[in-house]
Amino acid sequence: MQHWQEVKPEAFIANPFVLIGQEWMLVTARKGSQVNTMTASWGGLGVMWGENVAFVVIRQSRHTKGFVDAADHFSLTFFPEGYRKTLNYLGTVSGRDENKIKKSGLTIVDYDSVPCFAEANRAILCRKLFAQPYDPAAFLDPLVSACYPKQDYHTLYIGAIEKILLKADEPAY
């Protein structure tokens, strides 16, 4: 990807509560020759099993889940504020129904064979380490159960962060 710089996870000081929870991200993976993506605002960054990791959750009903399940890698991409309408569209339209990436106007690019988007200002490339469907018997607080009135539970994915990429003019924070 042109004009990208790789930064070490320790130098990436973005606030994950803002980056993921408020600015949103795209979770993107390849299955065969096709790529699919979805908008997400639940997830995080941290350390697990001695690895720098990112974690995301995907509902069983999401088309992108099959892509993440089939792939060894996935990307998390983040965009400037001007892309909010595009992120909203990609989070509400299913790739089952139309070629939503093409219609969004975003450009798929591969970095180390992992699909992400040229228009993003940040990308985190992850190697899948763990996938586990949520078990409602493990919910300890009614607040969690209330998030699933249709019992459409998420699967938790944990990925080892292999690369963090920033646009050349983008600060690490």
N, C-alpha and C. Protein backbone atom coordinates (compact mmCIF):
# COMPACT_ATOMS: atom_id res chain seq x y z
N MET A 1 0.86 -1.17 0.00
CA MET A 1 0.00 0.00 0.00
C MET A 1 0.90 1.22 0.00
N GLN A 2 0.61 2.09 -0.90
CA GLN A 2 1.43 3.28 -1.04
C GLN A 2 1.24 4.21 0.15
N HIS A 3 2.31 4.88 0.50
CA HIS A 3 2.28 5.93 1.52
C HIS A 3 1.86 5.42 2.90
N TRP A 4 2.17 4.19 3.18
CA TRP A 4 1.90 3.63 4.49
C TRP A 4 3.22 3.40 5.21
N GLN A 5 3.17 3.55 6.51
CA GLN A 5 4.34 3.24 7.32
C GLN A 5 3.93 2.22 8.38
N GLU A 6 4.81 1.29 8.65
CA GLU A 6 4.55 0.30 9.67
C GLU A 6 5.03 0.85 11.01
N VAL A 7 4.21 0.67 12.04
CA VAL A 7 4.61 1.06 13.38
C VAL A 7 4.50 -0.15 14.30
N LYS A 8 5.34 -0.19 15.29
CA LYS A 8 5.29 -1.27 16.28
C LYS A 8 4.06 -1.05 17.18
N PRO A 9 3.47 -2.13 17.65
CA PRO A 9 2.31 -1.97 18.53
C PRO A 9 2.58 -1.06 19.72
N GLU A 10 3.78 -1.09 20.26
CA GLU A 10 4.11 -0.27 21.42
C GLU A 10 4.11 1.23 21.08
N ALA A 11 4.26 1.56 19.80
CA ALA A 11 4.25 2.96 19.37
C ALA A 11 2.86 3.42 18.95
N PHE A 12 1.92 2.50 18.88
CA PHE A 12 0.55 2.81 18.48
C PHE A 12 -0.22 3.21 19.73
N ILE A 13 -0.41 4.49 19.91
CA ILE A 13 -0.99 4.96 21.16
C ILE A 13 -2.40 5.51 20.99
N ALA A 14 -3.10 5.04 19.96
CA ALA A 14 -4.49 5.45 19.76
C ALA A 14 -5.35 4.95 20.92
N ASN A 15 -6.31 5.73 21.29
CA ASN A 15 -7.24 5.36 22.35
C ASN A 15 -8.25 4.35 21.78
N PRO A 16 -8.21 3.09 22.20
CA PRO A 16 -9.12 2.10 21.61
C PRO A 16 -10.59 2.38 21.90
N PHE A 17 -10.89 3.09 22.98
CA PHE A 17 -12.28 3.40 23.30
C PHE A 17 -12.86 4.38 22.28
N VAL A 18 -12.02 5.28 21.81
CA VAL A 18 -12.43 6.22 20.76
C VAL A 18 -12.33 5.56 19.40
N LEU A 19 -11.19 4.96 19.13
CA LEU A 19 -10.92 4.37 17.82
C LEU A 19 -11.97 3.34 17.44
N ILE A 20 -12.29 2.43 18.33
CA ILE A 20 -13.23 1.35 18.03
C ILE A 20 -14.66 1.75 18.39
N GLY A 21 -14.85 2.21 19.59
CA GLY A 21 -16.20 2.47 20.08
C GLY A 21 -16.89 3.69 19.48
N GLN A 22 -16.12 4.70 19.10
CA GLN A 22 -16.74 5.92 18.58
C GLN A 22 -16.48 6.13 17.09
N GLU A 23 -15.26 5.84 16.63
CA GLU A 23 -14.94 6.08 15.22
C GLU A 23 -15.31 4.88 14.35
N TRP A 24 -15.42 3.69 14.93
CA TRP A 24 -15.77 2.45 14.26
C TRP A 24 -14.62 1.93 13.41
N MET A 25 -14.77 0.70 12.97
CA MET A 25 -13.76 0.05 12.13
C MET A 25 -14.46 -0.88 11.15
N LEU A 26 -13.72 -1.26 10.13
CA LEU A 26 -14.17 -2.31 9.23
C LEU A 26 -13.38 -3.58 9.54
N VAL A 27 -14.09 -4.70 9.67
CA VAL A 27 -13.48 -6.01 9.81
C VAL A 27 -13.58 -6.65 8.43
N THR A 28 -12.43 -7.04 7.88
CA THR A 28 -12.39 -7.48 6.49
C THR A 28 -11.60 -8.78 6.37
N ALA A 29 -12.11 -9.70 5.54
CA ALA A 29 -11.42 -10.98 5.31
C ALA A 29 -11.75 -11.48 3.90
N ARG A 30 -10.93 -12.42 3.47
CA ARG A 30 -11.09 -13.03 2.15
C ARG A 30 -11.49 -14.49 2.30
N LYS A 31 -12.43 -14.90 1.44
CA LYS A 31 -12.81 -16.31 1.31
C LYS A 31 -12.72 -16.63 -0.17
N GLY A 32 -11.76 -17.47 -0.52
CA GLY A 32 -11.53 -17.75 -1.94
C GLY A 32 -11.07 -16.49 -2.64
N SER A 33 -11.78 -16.12 -3.69
CA SER A 33 -11.41 -14.91 -4.44
C SER A 33 -12.24 -13.70 -4.04
N GLN A 34 -13.13 -13.87 -3.08
CA GLN A 34 -14.02 -12.77 -2.68
C GLN A 34 -13.60 -12.18 -1.34
N VAL A 35 -13.88 -10.89 -1.19
CA VAL A 35 -13.61 -10.16 0.04
C VAL A 35 -14.92 -9.60 0.56
N ASN A 36 -15.10 -9.64 1.87
CA ASN A 36 -16.27 -9.01 2.47
C ASN A 36 -15.81 -8.24 3.71
N THR A 37 -16.64 -7.28 4.08
CA THR A 37 -16.32 -6.42 5.22
C THR A 37 -17.58 -6.07 5.98
N MET A 38 -17.43 -5.65 7.20
CA MET A 38 -18.54 -5.16 8.00
C MET A 38 -18.02 -4.10 8.97
N THR A 39 -18.89 -3.22 9.33
CA THR A 39 -18.57 -2.20 10.32
C THR A 39 -18.73 -2.80 11.71
N ALA A 40 -17.81 -2.45 12.60
CA ALA A 40 -17.88 -2.94 13.97
C ALA A 40 -17.51 -1.82 14.93
N SER A 41 -18.14 -1.86 16.11
CA SER A 41 -17.80 -0.89 17.16
C SER A 41 -17.60 -1.60 18.49
N TRP A 42 -17.51 -2.93 18.45
CA TRP A 42 -17.20 -3.72 19.63
C TRP A 42 -15.91 -4.46 19.37
N GLY A 43 -14.97 -4.39 20.28
CA GLY A 43 -13.70 -5.08 20.15
C GLY A 43 -12.68 -4.43 21.05
N GLY A 44 -11.43 -4.77 20.84
CA GLY A 44 -10.40 -4.17 21.66
C GLY A 44 -9.01 -4.58 21.23
N LEU A 45 -8.04 -4.01 21.92
CA LEU A 45 -6.62 -4.27 21.70
C LEU A 45 -6.00 -4.61 23.04
N GLY A 46 -5.03 -5.51 23.05
CA GLY A 46 -4.39 -5.86 24.31
C GLY A 46 -3.32 -6.90 24.13
N VAL A 47 -3.09 -7.66 25.18
CA VAL A 47 -2.07 -8.69 25.19
C VAL A 47 -2.71 -9.98 25.68
N MET A 48 -2.47 -11.06 24.96
CA MET A 48 -3.00 -12.38 25.32
C MET A 48 -1.99 -13.43 24.89
N TRP A 49 -1.71 -14.38 25.74
CA TRP A 49 -0.81 -15.48 25.42
C TRP A 49 0.57 -14.96 24.98
N GLY A 50 0.99 -13.83 25.54
CA GLY A 50 2.28 -13.26 25.20
C GLY A 50 2.32 -12.58 23.84
N GLU A 51 1.18 -12.38 23.23
CA GLU A 51 1.07 -11.75 21.90
C GLU A 51 0.30 -10.43 22.01
N ASN A 52 0.69 -9.46 21.20
CA ASN A 52 -0.15 -8.27 21.02
C ASN A 52 -1.32 -8.70 20.16
N VAL A 53 -2.54 -8.43 20.63
CA VAL A 53 -3.72 -8.94 19.95
C VAL A 53 -4.78 -7.86 19.76
N ALA A 54 -5.65 -8.17 18.81
CA ALA A 54 -6.90 -7.43 18.65
C ALA A 54 -8.01 -8.46 18.79
N PHE A 55 -9.13 -8.02 19.35
CA PHE A 55 -10.26 -8.93 19.38
C PHE A 55 -11.49 -8.23 18.85
N VAL A 56 -12.31 -9.02 18.16
CA VAL A 56 -13.56 -8.53 17.59
C VAL A 56 -14.62 -9.59 17.84
N VAL A 57 -15.85 -9.17 17.77
CA VAL A 57 -16.97 -10.10 17.89
C VAL A 57 -17.87 -9.92 16.67
N ILE A 58 -18.36 -11.06 16.17
CA ILE A 58 -19.21 -11.04 14.98
C ILE A 58 -20.42 -11.92 15.26
N ARG A 59 -21.59 -11.38 14.99
CA ARG A 59 -22.83 -12.15 15.19
C ARG A 59 -22.92 -13.29 14.17
N GLN A 60 -23.59 -14.35 14.58
CA GLN A 60 -23.77 -15.52 13.71
C GLN A 60 -24.45 -15.16 12.39
N SER A 61 -25.30 -14.18 12.42
CA SER A 61 -26.09 -13.82 11.24
C SER A 61 -25.33 -13.00 10.20
N ARG A 62 -24.17 -12.51 10.53
CA ARG A 62 -23.44 -11.62 9.61
C ARG A 62 -22.74 -12.41 8.51
N HIS A 63 -22.88 -11.92 7.29
CA HIS A 63 -22.25 -12.56 6.13
C HIS A 63 -20.73 -12.58 6.28
N THR A 64 -20.16 -11.54 6.85
CA THR A 64 -18.71 -11.44 7.02
C THR A 64 -18.17 -12.57 7.90
N LYS A 65 -18.98 -13.10 8.79
CA LYS A 65 -18.53 -14.16 9.69
C LYS A 65 -17.96 -15.35 8.91
N GLY A 66 -18.63 -15.75 7.84
CA GLY A 66 -18.14 -16.86 7.03
C GLY A 66 -16.79 -16.57 6.41
N PHE A 67 -16.54 -15.31 6.09
CA PHE A 67 -15.25 -14.91 5.52
C PHE A 67 -14.16 -14.98 6.59
N VAL A 68 -14.44 -14.47 7.77
CA VAL A 68 -13.45 -14.52 8.86
C VAL A 68 -13.21 -15.97 9.27
N ASP A 69 -14.28 -16.78 9.31
CA ASP A 69 -14.11 -18.20 9.65
C ASP A 69 -13.20 -18.92 8.64
N ALA A 70 -13.32 -18.58 7.36
CA ALA A 70 -12.56 -19.26 6.30
C ALA A 70 -11.12 -18.77 6.19
N ALA A 71 -10.83 -17.59 6.72
CA ALA A 71 -9.53 -16.96 6.52
C ALA A 71 -8.57 -17.25 7.68
N ASP A 72 -7.29 -17.19 7.38
CA ASP A 72 -6.27 -17.24 8.43
C ASP A 72 -5.98 -15.86 8.99
N HIS A 73 -6.29 -14.83 8.21
CA HIS A 73 -6.01 -13.44 8.58
C HIS A 73 -7.26 -12.58 8.37
N PHE A 74 -7.31 -11.49 9.10
CA PHE A 74 -8.33 -10.46 8.87
C PHE A 74 -7.69 -9.11 9.15
N SER A 75 -8.33 -8.07 8.66
CA SER A 75 -7.82 -6.72 8.93
C SER A 75 -8.88 -5.91 9.64
N LEU A 76 -8.40 -4.96 10.41
CA LEU A 76 -9.23 -3.93 11.02
C LEU A 76 -8.75 -2.62 10.42
N THR A 77 -9.66 -1.89 9.78
CA THR A 77 -9.26 -0.62 9.18
C THR A 77 -10.09 0.50 9.76
N PHE A 78 -9.45 1.65 9.85
CA PHE A 78 -10.03 2.84 10.47
C PHE A 78 -9.93 3.99 9.49
N PHE A 79 -10.90 4.87 9.52
CA PHE A 79 -11.04 5.90 8.49
C PHE A 79 -11.19 7.29 9.10
N PRO A 80 -10.85 8.30 8.32
CA PRO A 80 -11.11 9.68 8.77
C PRO A 80 -12.63 9.90 8.91
N GLU A 81 -13.00 10.92 9.64
CA GLU A 81 -14.42 11.20 9.94
C GLU A 81 -15.27 11.33 8.68
N GLY A 82 -14.72 11.78 7.60
CA GLY A 82 -15.48 11.96 6.36
C GLY A 82 -16.05 10.66 5.81
N TYR A 83 -15.68 9.53 6.34
CA TYR A 83 -16.17 8.23 5.86
C TYR A 83 -17.30 7.66 6.71
N ARG A 84 -17.84 8.42 7.62
CA ARG A 84 -18.89 7.92 8.52
C ARG A 84 -20.09 7.38 7.75
N LYS A 85 -20.52 8.07 6.73
CA LYS A 85 -21.67 7.61 5.94
C LYS A 85 -21.36 6.27 5.26
N THR A 86 -20.15 6.13 4.74
CA THR A 86 -19.73 4.88 4.11
C THR A 86 -19.69 3.75 5.12
N LEU A 87 -19.14 4.01 6.30
CA LEU A 87 -19.08 2.98 7.35
C LEU A 87 -20.49 2.57 7.78
N ASN A 88 -21.39 3.53 7.88
CA ASN A 88 -22.77 3.22 8.23
C ASN A 88 -23.40 2.32 7.17
N TYR A 89 -23.19 2.65 5.91
CA TYR A 89 -23.72 1.84 4.80
C TYR A 89 -23.16 0.41 4.87
N LEU A 90 -21.85 0.28 5.05
CA LEU A 90 -21.23 -1.04 5.08
C LEU A 90 -21.65 -1.86 6.30
N GLY A 91 -22.17 -1.20 7.31
CA GLY A 91 -22.65 -1.90 8.49
C GLY A 91 -24.12 -2.27 8.43
N THR A 92 -24.85 -1.72 7.47
CA THR A 92 -26.29 -1.99 7.40
C THR A 92 -26.71 -2.80 6.19
N VAL A 93 -25.86 -2.87 5.16
CA VAL A 93 -26.17 -3.62 3.95
C VAL A 93 -25.35 -4.90 3.96
N SER A 94 -25.95 -6.01 3.57
CA SER A 94 -25.25 -7.28 3.56
C SER A 94 -24.59 -7.53 2.21
N GLY A 95 -23.39 -8.09 2.26
CA GLY A 95 -22.71 -8.53 1.06
C GLY A 95 -23.41 -9.70 0.39
N ARG A 96 -24.36 -10.32 1.07
CA ARG A 96 -25.18 -11.37 0.45
C ARG A 96 -26.09 -10.78 -0.62
N ASP A 97 -26.49 -9.53 -0.41
CA ASP A 97 -27.51 -8.91 -1.26
C ASP A 97 -26.95 -8.08 -2.41
N GLU A 98 -25.74 -7.59 -2.27
CA GLU A 98 -25.14 -6.75 -3.31
C GLU A 98 -23.64 -6.65 -3.07
N ASN A 99 -22.93 -6.18 -4.08
CA ASN A 99 -21.50 -5.96 -3.93
C ASN A 99 -21.32 -4.62 -3.22
N LYS A 100 -21.44 -4.67 -1.91
CA LYS A 100 -21.46 -3.43 -1.13
C LYS A 100 -20.11 -2.74 -1.13
N ILE A 101 -19.01 -3.47 -1.24
CA ILE A 101 -17.70 -2.81 -1.28
C ILE A 101 -17.58 -1.98 -2.55
N LYS A 102 -17.94 -2.57 -3.67
CA LYS A 102 -17.88 -1.83 -4.94
C LYS A 102 -18.80 -0.61 -4.87
N LYS A 103 -20.00 -0.81 -4.38
CA LYS A 103 -20.96 0.29 -4.31
C LYS A 103 -20.51 1.39 -3.34
N SER A 104 -19.72 1.02 -2.32
CA SER A 104 -19.24 2.00 -1.34
C SER A 104 -18.20 2.95 -1.92
N GLY A 105 -17.54 2.50 -2.99
CA GLY A 105 -16.47 3.31 -3.58
C GLY A 105 -15.11 3.09 -2.96
N LEU A 106 -15.02 2.22 -1.94
CA LEU A 106 -13.72 1.94 -1.33
C LEU A 106 -12.91 1.01 -2.22
N THR A 107 -11.60 1.08 -2.08
CA THR A 107 -10.67 0.32 -2.90
C THR A 107 -10.00 -0.76 -2.06
N ILE A 108 -10.21 -2.03 -2.41
CA ILE A 108 -9.56 -3.13 -1.71
C ILE A 108 -8.11 -3.19 -2.17
N VAL A 109 -7.22 -3.25 -1.21
CA VAL A 109 -5.79 -3.47 -1.48
C VAL A 109 -5.32 -4.58 -0.56
N ASP A 110 -4.33 -5.31 -1.01
CA ASP A 110 -3.74 -6.35 -0.18
C ASP A 110 -2.42 -5.86 0.37
N TYR A 111 -2.21 -6.13 1.62
CA TYR A 111 -0.92 -5.88 2.25
C TYR A 111 -0.53 -7.21 2.88
N ASP A 112 0.55 -7.80 2.42
CA ASP A 112 0.94 -9.14 2.85
C ASP A 112 -0.21 -10.13 2.68
N SER A 113 -0.92 -10.00 1.57
CA SER A 113 -2.05 -10.88 1.21
C SER A 113 -3.26 -10.73 2.10
N VAL A 114 -3.31 -9.71 2.94
CA VAL A 114 -4.47 -9.46 3.79
C VAL A 114 -5.24 -8.28 3.19
N PRO A 115 -6.54 -8.46 2.92
CA PRO A 115 -7.30 -7.36 2.32
C PRO A 115 -7.59 -6.24 3.31
N CYS A 116 -7.40 -5.02 2.85
CA CYS A 116 -7.77 -3.83 3.61
C CYS A 116 -8.12 -2.74 2.60
N PHE A 117 -8.20 -1.51 3.01
CA PHE A 117 -8.72 -0.46 2.14
C PHE A 117 -7.73 0.69 1.99
N ALA A 118 -7.54 1.11 0.75
CA ALA A 118 -6.60 2.19 0.43
C ALA A 118 -6.99 3.49 1.10
N GLU A 119 -8.27 3.72 1.30
CA GLU A 119 -8.75 4.98 1.87
C GLU A 119 -8.59 5.07 3.38
N ALA A 120 -8.28 3.97 4.03
CA ALA A 120 -8.13 3.96 5.49
C ALA A 120 -6.90 4.77 5.90
N ASN A 121 -6.96 5.32 7.10
CA ASN A 121 -5.77 6.01 7.62
C ASN A 121 -5.00 5.14 8.61
N ARG A 122 -5.61 4.03 9.04
CA ARG A 122 -4.95 3.07 9.92
C ARG A 122 -5.43 1.68 9.55
N ALA A 123 -4.54 0.71 9.65
CA ALA A 123 -4.92 -0.69 9.41
C ALA A 123 -4.15 -1.58 10.38
N ILE A 124 -4.85 -2.55 10.94
CA ILE A 124 -4.23 -3.54 11.81
C ILE A 124 -4.45 -4.89 11.14
N LEU A 125 -3.35 -5.57 10.82
CA LEU A 125 -3.41 -6.87 10.16
C LEU A 125 -3.23 -7.95 11.21
N CYS A 126 -4.15 -8.89 11.24
CA CYS A 126 -4.19 -9.89 12.30
C CYS A 126 -4.18 -11.31 11.74
N ARG A 127 -3.47 -12.19 12.44
CA ARG A 127 -3.50 -13.62 12.18
C ARG A 127 -4.42 -14.25 13.22
N LYS A 128 -5.41 -14.96 12.75
CA LYS A 128 -6.41 -15.51 13.65
C LYS A 128 -5.80 -16.54 14.58
N LEU A 129 -6.02 -16.35 15.89
CA LEU A 129 -5.52 -17.26 16.92
C LEU A 129 -6.63 -18.06 17.58
N PHE A 130 -7.83 -17.49 17.64
CA PHE A 130 -8.87 -18.05 18.50
C PHE A 130 -10.23 -17.64 17.97
N ALA A 131 -11.16 -18.57 18.01
CA ALA A 131 -12.56 -18.26 17.70
C ALA A 131 -13.43 -19.09 18.63
N GLN A 132 -14.38 -18.44 19.29
CA GLN A 132 -15.24 -19.14 20.23
C GLN A 132 -16.62 -18.49 20.25
N PRO A 133 -17.66 -19.25 19.90
CA PRO A 133 -19.02 -18.70 20.03
C PRO A 133 -19.33 -18.39 21.49
N TYR A 134 -20.04 -17.31 21.71
CA TYR A 134 -20.47 -16.98 23.06
C TYR A 134 -21.45 -18.04 23.55
N ASP A 135 -21.29 -18.42 24.80
CA ASP A 135 -22.19 -19.34 25.47
C ASP A 135 -23.02 -18.53 26.45
N PRO A 136 -24.32 -18.40 26.21
CA PRO A 136 -25.13 -17.57 27.12
C PRO A 136 -25.10 -18.04 28.57
N ALA A 137 -24.77 -19.28 28.82
CA ALA A 137 -24.65 -19.76 30.20
C ALA A 137 -23.49 -19.09 30.92
N ALA A 138 -22.55 -18.51 30.17
CA ALA A 138 -21.39 -17.86 30.77
C ALA A 138 -21.63 -16.39 31.10
N PHE A 139 -22.76 -15.84 30.67
CA PHE A 139 -23.07 -14.44 30.97
C PHE A 139 -23.35 -14.29 32.46
N LEU A 140 -22.60 -13.42 33.12
CA LEU A 140 -22.70 -13.27 34.57
C LEU A 140 -23.55 -12.08 34.99
N ASP A 141 -23.88 -11.22 34.06
CA ASP A 141 -24.63 -10.01 34.39
C ASP A 141 -25.81 -9.89 33.43
N PRO A 142 -26.99 -9.55 33.92
CA PRO A 142 -28.16 -9.41 33.04
C PRO A 142 -27.96 -8.37 31.94
N LEU A 143 -27.07 -7.40 32.17
CA LEU A 143 -26.77 -6.40 31.16
C LEU A 143 -26.31 -7.06 29.87
N VAL A 144 -25.48 -8.10 29.99
CA VAL A 144 -24.97 -8.81 28.80
C VAL A 144 -26.12 -9.53 28.09
N SER A 145 -26.92 -10.25 28.83
CA SER A 145 -28.05 -10.97 28.23
C SER A 145 -28.99 -10.03 27.51
N ALA A 146 -29.16 -8.83 28.02
CA ALA A 146 -30.06 -7.86 27.42
C ALA A 146 -29.60 -7.44 26.02
N CYS A 147 -28.35 -7.63 25.69
CA CYS A 147 -27.82 -7.30 24.36
C CYS A 147 -28.23 -8.34 23.31
N TYR A 148 -28.89 -9.41 23.74
CA TYR A 148 -29.24 -10.50 22.83
C TYR A 148 -30.72 -10.89 22.93
N PRO A 149 -31.63 -9.94 22.69
CA PRO A 149 -33.05 -10.29 22.79
C PRO A 149 -33.47 -11.34 21.76
N LYS A 150 -32.74 -11.42 20.64
CA LYS A 150 -33.06 -12.41 19.59
C LYS A 150 -32.17 -13.65 19.71
N GLN A 151 -31.35 -13.70 20.75
CA GLN A 151 -30.41 -14.80 20.98
C GLN A 151 -29.47 -15.00 19.79
N ASP A 152 -29.10 -13.90 19.16
CA ASP A 152 -28.17 -13.91 18.02
C ASP A 152 -26.77 -13.59 18.53
N TYR A 153 -26.17 -14.56 19.18
CA TYR A 153 -24.93 -14.38 19.90
C TYR A 153 -23.73 -14.18 18.96
N HIS A 154 -22.74 -13.51 19.50
CA HIS A 154 -21.50 -13.27 18.77
C HIS A 154 -20.56 -14.46 18.88
N THR A 155 -19.59 -14.49 17.98
CA THR A 155 -18.39 -15.31 18.12
C THR A 155 -17.25 -14.35 18.40
N LEU A 156 -16.42 -14.69 19.38
CA LEU A 156 -15.25 -13.90 19.72
C LEU A 156 -14.07 -14.38 18.88
N TYR A 157 -13.39 -13.45 18.23
CA TYR A 157 -12.17 -13.75 17.47
C TYR A 157 -11.03 -12.97 18.10
N ILE A 158 -9.93 -13.65 18.35
CA ILE A 158 -8.71 -13.00 18.82
C ILE A 158 -7.66 -13.22 17.75
N GLY A 159 -7.04 -12.13 17.33
CA GLY A 159 -6.01 -12.20 16.31
C GLY A 159 -4.70 -11.60 16.79
N ALA A 160 -3.60 -12.29 16.48
CA ALA A 160 -2.26 -11.74 16.76
C ALA A 160 -2.02 -10.59 15.80
N ILE A 161 -1.62 -9.45 16.33
CA ILE A 161 -1.33 -8.29 15.49
C ILE A 161 0.01 -8.53 14.80
N GLU A 162 -0.05 -8.67 13.48
CA GLU A 162 1.19 -8.88 12.72
C GLU A 162 1.77 -7.56 12.22
N LYS A 163 0.90 -6.61 11.89
CA LYS A 163 1.37 -5.31 11.43
C LYS A 163 0.34 -4.25 11.79
N ILE A 164 0.83 -3.07 12.12
CA ILE A 164 -0.01 -1.88 12.24
C ILE A 164 0.53 -0.90 11.21
N LEU A 165 -0.35 -0.44 10.36
CA LEU A 165 0.02 0.47 9.27
C LEU A 165 -0.69 1.80 9.45
N LEU A 166 0.04 2.86 9.25
CA LEU A 166 -0.51 4.21 9.30
C LEU A 166 -0.19 4.91 8.00
N LYS A 167 -1.08 5.78 7.57
CA LYS A 167 -0.75 6.62 6.43
C LYS A 167 0.47 7.44 6.84
N ALA A 168 1.32 7.74 5.89
CA ALA A 168 2.60 8.39 6.18
C ALA A 168 2.42 9.69 6.96
N ASP A 169 1.34 10.40 6.74
CA ASP A 169 1.13 11.68 7.44
C ASP A 169 0.27 11.54 8.69
N GLU A 170 -0.03 10.31 9.09
CA GLU A 170 -0.90 10.04 10.24
C GLU A 170 -0.05 9.81 11.49
N PRO A 171 -0.31 10.53 12.58
CA PRO A 171 0.44 10.26 13.81
C PRO A 171 0.02 8.92 14.40
N ALA A 172 0.85 8.33 15.24
CA ALA A 172 0.58 7.04 15.85
C ALA A 172 -0.58 7.10 16.85
N TYR A 173 -0.97 8.28 17.25
CA TYR A 173 -2.05 8.40 18.23
C TYR A 173 -3.35 8.77 17.59
